[in-house]
Amino acid sequence: MSKSFEVQGVVHSIDETKSYGQNGFTKREFVIKLTGEGERAEYPNYVAFELVKDKCALMDQFQPGDELMVTFNLTGRLWNSPGKPEKCFTSLQAWRVEAAGGNQPVANNGGGPFSQMMPDYDEDVPF
């Protein structure tokens, strides 16, 4: 299992969902310009993420210019082709996307094992 990371940024572009192969594998890519802590405007960082399968819909409600928090896994694969050097491919696979500054996820299709167990309480303490 890979470790999860989180970044903040502004949506630069959102691709359409694409289907691959006979089994209907779907993938969608999007690019954000990082804006979180430690980022310098004079040296912008543009980062491409991918969404796969049912997660492709997470970007449906966002537009270029929207500020987001993206939670993702860093994955990598080796590829060998006869007679050619080995290549390593790295993917940033997003699995949660939420509007920046908000505490509630805008879209998350996998709230974890305890998401259905806990009722929503407001943050006021009764004493």
C-alpha atoms as a PDB file:
ATOM      1  CA  MET A   1       0.000   0.000   0.000  1.00  0.00           C
ATOM      2  CA  SER A   2       1.352   3.434  -0.880  1.00  0.00           C
ATOM      3  CA  LYS A   3       1.418   6.484   1.373  1.00  0.00           C
ATOM      4  CA  SER A   4      -1.105   9.299   0.839  1.00  0.00           C
ATOM      5  CA  PHE A   5      -0.125  12.908   0.229  1.00  0.00           C
ATOM      6  CA  GLU A   6      -2.109  16.152   0.086  1.00  0.00           C
ATOM      7  CA  VAL A   7      -1.510  19.352  -1.898  1.00  0.00           C
ATOM      8  CA  GLN A   8      -3.345  22.600  -2.509  1.00  0.00           C
ATOM      9  CA  GLY A   9      -3.611  24.293  -5.870  1.00  0.00           C
ATOM     10  CA  VAL A  10      -5.627  26.058  -8.541  1.00  0.00           C
ATOM     11  CA  VAL A  11      -7.107  24.013 -11.379  1.00  0.00           C
ATOM     12  CA  HIS A  12      -5.257  24.700 -14.620  1.00  0.00           C
ATOM     13  CA  SER A  13      -6.964  22.128 -16.873  1.00  0.00           C
ATOM     14  CA  ILE A  14      -9.341  19.166 -16.696  1.00  0.00           C
ATOM     15  CA  ASP A  15      -9.376  16.482 -19.394  1.00  0.00           C
ATOM     16  CA  GLU A  16     -12.392  14.421 -20.408  1.00  0.00           C
ATOM     17  CA  THR A  17     -12.742  10.874 -19.096  1.00  0.00           C
ATOM     18  CA  LYS A  18     -11.187   8.358 -21.504  1.00  0.00           C
ATOM     19  CA  SER A  19     -11.884   4.630 -21.840  1.00  0.00           C
ATOM     20  CA  TYR A  20      -9.138   2.086 -22.536  1.00  0.00           C
ATOM     21  CA  GLY A  21      -9.277  -1.541 -23.649  1.00  0.00           C
ATOM     22  CA  GLN A  22     -12.113  -4.027 -23.843  1.00  0.00           C
ATOM     23  CA  ASN A  23     -12.800  -4.083 -20.094  1.00  0.00           C
ATOM     24  CA  GLY A  24     -13.860  -0.410 -19.966  1.00  0.00           C
ATOM     25  CA  PHE A  25     -11.010   0.910 -17.786  1.00  0.00           C
ATOM     26  CA  THR A  26     -11.519   4.674 -17.414  1.00  0.00           C
ATOM     27  CA  LYS A  27      -9.016   7.406 -16.623  1.00  0.00           C
ATOM     28  CA  ARG A  28      -9.192  11.203 -16.316  1.00  0.00           C
ATOM     29  CA  GLU A  29      -6.312  13.627 -15.935  1.00  0.00           C
ATOM     30  CA  PHE A  30      -6.204  17.132 -14.505  1.00  0.00           C
ATOM     31  CA  VAL A  31      -3.477  19.685 -13.805  1.00  0.00           C
ATOM     32  CA  ILE A  32      -3.204  22.095 -10.882  1.00  0.00           C
ATOM     33  CA  LYS A  33      -0.806  24.928 -10.128  1.00  0.00           C
ATOM     34  CA  LEU A  34       0.403  24.396  -6.559  1.00  0.00           C
ATOM     35  CA  THR A  35      -0.433  27.239  -4.158  1.00  0.00           C
ATOM     36  CA  GLY A  36       0.042  25.728  -0.724  1.00  0.00           C
ATOM     37  CA  GLU A  37       2.591  26.480   1.949  1.00  0.00           C
ATOM     38  CA  GLY A  38       6.114  26.945   0.626  1.00  0.00           C
ATOM     39  CA  GLU A  39       5.076  27.668  -2.973  1.00  0.00           C
ATOM     40  CA  ARG A  40       6.538  30.760  -4.630  1.00  0.00           C
ATOM     41  CA  ALA A  41       4.483  32.582  -7.265  1.00  0.00           C
ATOM     42  CA  GLU A  42       7.583  33.476  -9.291  1.00  0.00           C
ATOM     43  CA  TYR A  43       8.379  29.759  -9.756  1.00  0.00           C
ATOM     44  CA  PRO A  44       5.005  28.055 -10.334  1.00  0.00           C
ATOM     45  CA  ASN A  45       4.733  24.261 -10.071  1.00  0.00           C
ATOM     46  CA  TYR A  46       2.204  22.586 -12.358  1.00  0.00           C
ATOM     47  CA  VAL A  47       1.374  18.997 -11.367  1.00  0.00           C
ATOM     48  CA  ALA A  48      -0.650  16.426 -13.334  1.00  0.00           C
ATOM     49  CA  PHE A  49      -2.918  14.000 -11.461  1.00  0.00           C
ATOM     50  CA  GLU A  50      -4.966  11.074 -12.670  1.00  0.00           C
ATOM     51  CA  LEU A  51      -8.306   9.696 -11.545  1.00  0.00           C
ATOM     52  CA  VAL A  52      -9.292   6.121 -12.379  1.00  0.00           C
ATOM     53  CA  LYS A  53     -12.540   4.165 -12.565  1.00  0.00           C
ATOM     54  CA  ASP A  54     -15.332   5.581 -10.350  1.00  0.00           C
ATOM     55  CA  LYS A  55     -13.100   8.458  -9.158  1.00  0.00           C
ATOM     56  CA  CYS A  56     -13.222  10.094 -12.631  1.00  0.00           C
ATOM     57  CA  ALA A  57     -16.427  11.897 -11.622  1.00  0.00           C
ATOM     58  CA  LEU A  58     -14.683  13.766  -8.773  1.00  0.00           C
ATOM     59  CA  MET A  59     -13.691  16.607 -11.130  1.00  0.00           C
ATOM     60  CA  ASP A  60     -17.151  17.068 -12.707  1.00  0.00           C
ATOM     61  CA  GLN A  61     -18.060  19.973 -10.405  1.00  0.00           C
ATOM     62  CA  PHE A  62     -14.805  21.908 -10.757  1.00  0.00           C
ATOM     63  CA  GLN A  63     -13.647  24.446 -13.355  1.00  0.00           C
ATOM     64  CA  PRO A  64     -10.254  25.930 -14.236  1.00  0.00           C
ATOM     65  CA  GLY A  65      -9.464  28.591 -11.639  1.00  0.00           C
ATOM     66  CA  ASP A  66     -11.042  26.728  -8.688  1.00  0.00           C
ATOM     67  CA  GLU A  67      -8.840  26.273  -5.604  1.00  0.00           C
ATOM     68  CA  LEU A  68      -8.619  22.635  -4.453  1.00  0.00           C
ATOM     69  CA  MET A  69      -7.134  20.270  -1.920  1.00  0.00           C
ATOM     70  CA  VAL A  70      -6.129  17.000  -3.595  1.00  0.00           C
ATOM     71  CA  THR A  71      -5.330  13.814  -1.682  1.00  0.00           C
ATOM     72  CA  PHE A  72      -3.409  11.277  -3.731  1.00  0.00           C
ATOM     73  CA  ASN A  73      -1.204   8.197  -3.735  1.00  0.00           C
ATOM     74  CA  LEU A  74       2.230   8.157  -5.340  1.00  0.00           C
ATOM     75  CA  THR A  75       2.694   5.012  -7.428  1.00  0.00           C
ATOM     76  CA  GLY A  76       5.330   3.765  -9.848  1.00  0.00           C
ATOM     77  CA  ARG A  77       5.857   0.949 -12.302  1.00  0.00           C
ATOM     78  CA  LEU A  78       8.760  -0.470 -14.273  1.00  0.00           C
ATOM     79  CA  TRP A  79       8.362  -1.245 -17.961  1.00  0.00           C
ATOM     80  CA  ASN A  80      10.652  -3.495 -19.958  1.00  0.00           C
ATOM     81  CA  SER A  81      10.734  -3.857 -23.713  1.00  0.00           C
ATOM     82  CA  PRO A  82      13.071  -6.317 -25.413  1.00  0.00           C
ATOM     83  CA  GLY A  83      16.199  -4.569 -26.643  1.00  0.00           C
ATOM     84  CA  LYS A  84      15.357  -1.260 -24.946  1.00  0.00           C
ATOM     85  CA  PRO A  85      16.395   0.210 -21.613  1.00  0.00           C
ATOM     86  CA  GLU A  86      14.106  -0.245 -18.613  1.00  0.00           C
ATOM     87  CA  LYS A  87      11.762   2.696 -17.909  1.00  0.00           C
ATOM     88  CA  CYS A  88      10.065   3.803 -14.719  1.00  0.00           C
ATOM     89  CA  PHE A  89       6.646   5.478 -14.825  1.00  0.00           C
ATOM     90  CA  THR A  90       5.336   7.502 -11.870  1.00  0.00           C
ATOM     91  CA  SER A  91       1.668   8.352 -11.264  1.00  0.00           C
ATOM     92  CA  LEU A  92      -0.058  10.701  -8.850  1.00  0.00           C
ATOM     93  CA  GLN A  93      -3.395   8.964  -8.411  1.00  0.00           C
ATOM     94  CA  ALA A  94      -5.963  11.275  -6.787  1.00  0.00           C
ATOM     95  CA  TRP A  95      -8.683   9.702  -4.646  1.00  0.00           C
ATOM     96  CA  ARG A  96     -10.174  12.719  -2.852  1.00  0.00           C
ATOM     97  CA  VAL A  97     -10.807  16.238  -4.146  1.00  0.00           C
ATOM     98  CA  GLU A  98     -12.279  19.021  -2.023  1.00  0.00           C
ATOM     99  CA  ALA A  99     -12.643  22.771  -2.282  1.00  0.00           C
ATOM    100  CA  ALA A 100      -9.770  24.544  -0.517  1.00  0.00           C
ATOM    101  CA  GLY A 101     -10.637  26.272   2.716  1.00  0.00           C
ATOM    102  CA  GLY A 102     -13.640  24.046   3.417  1.00  0.00           C
ATOM    103  CA  ASN A 103     -13.626  21.356   6.059  1.00  0.00           C
ATOM    104  CA  GLN A 104     -16.210  19.177   4.303  1.00  0.00           C
ATOM    105  CA  PRO A 105     -15.232  17.158   1.233  1.00  0.00           C
ATOM    106  CA  VAL A 106     -16.953  18.336  -1.914  1.00  0.00           C
ATOM    107  CA  ALA A 107     -16.579  14.902  -3.481  1.00  0.00           C
ATOM    108  CA  ASN A 108     -15.313  11.717  -1.896  1.00  0.00           C
ATOM    109  CA  ASN A 109     -16.663   8.342  -2.897  1.00  0.00           C
ATOM    110  CA  GLY A 110     -14.895   6.393  -0.180  1.00  0.00           C
ATOM    111  CA  GLY A 111     -15.264   7.975   3.225  1.00  0.00           C
ATOM    112  CA  GLY A 112     -13.522   5.160   5.017  1.00  0.00           C
ATOM    113  CA  PRO A 113     -14.851   2.466   7.307  1.00  0.00           C
ATOM    114  CA  PHE A 114     -16.147   4.816  10.019  1.00  0.00           C
ATOM    115  CA  SER A 115     -17.889   7.396   7.829  1.00  0.00           C
ATOM    116  CA  GLN A 116     -21.296   5.703   8.181  1.00  0.00           C
ATOM    117  CA  MET A 117     -20.960   5.087  11.928  1.00  0.00           C
ATOM    118  CA  MET A 118     -20.514   8.605  13.270  1.00  0.00           C
ATOM    119  CA  PRO A 119     -23.425  11.083  13.254  1.00  0.00           C
ATOM    120  CA  ASP A 120     -22.788  14.699  12.312  1.00  0.00           C
ATOM    121  CA  TYR A 121     -22.408  16.879  15.398  1.00  0.00           C
ATOM    122  CA  ASP A 122     -21.912  20.597  15.390  1.00  0.00           C
ATOM    123  CA  GLU A 123     -18.773  21.905  17.051  1.00  0.00           C
ATOM    124  CA  ASP A 124     -20.490  23.776  19.894  1.00  0.00           C
ATOM    125  CA  VAL A 125     -19.622  22.353  23.268  1.00  0.00           C
ATOM    126  CA  PRO A 126     -22.688  22.257  25.573  1.00  0.00           C
ATOM    127  CA  PHE A 127     -20.807  23.563  28.627  1.00  0.00           C
END
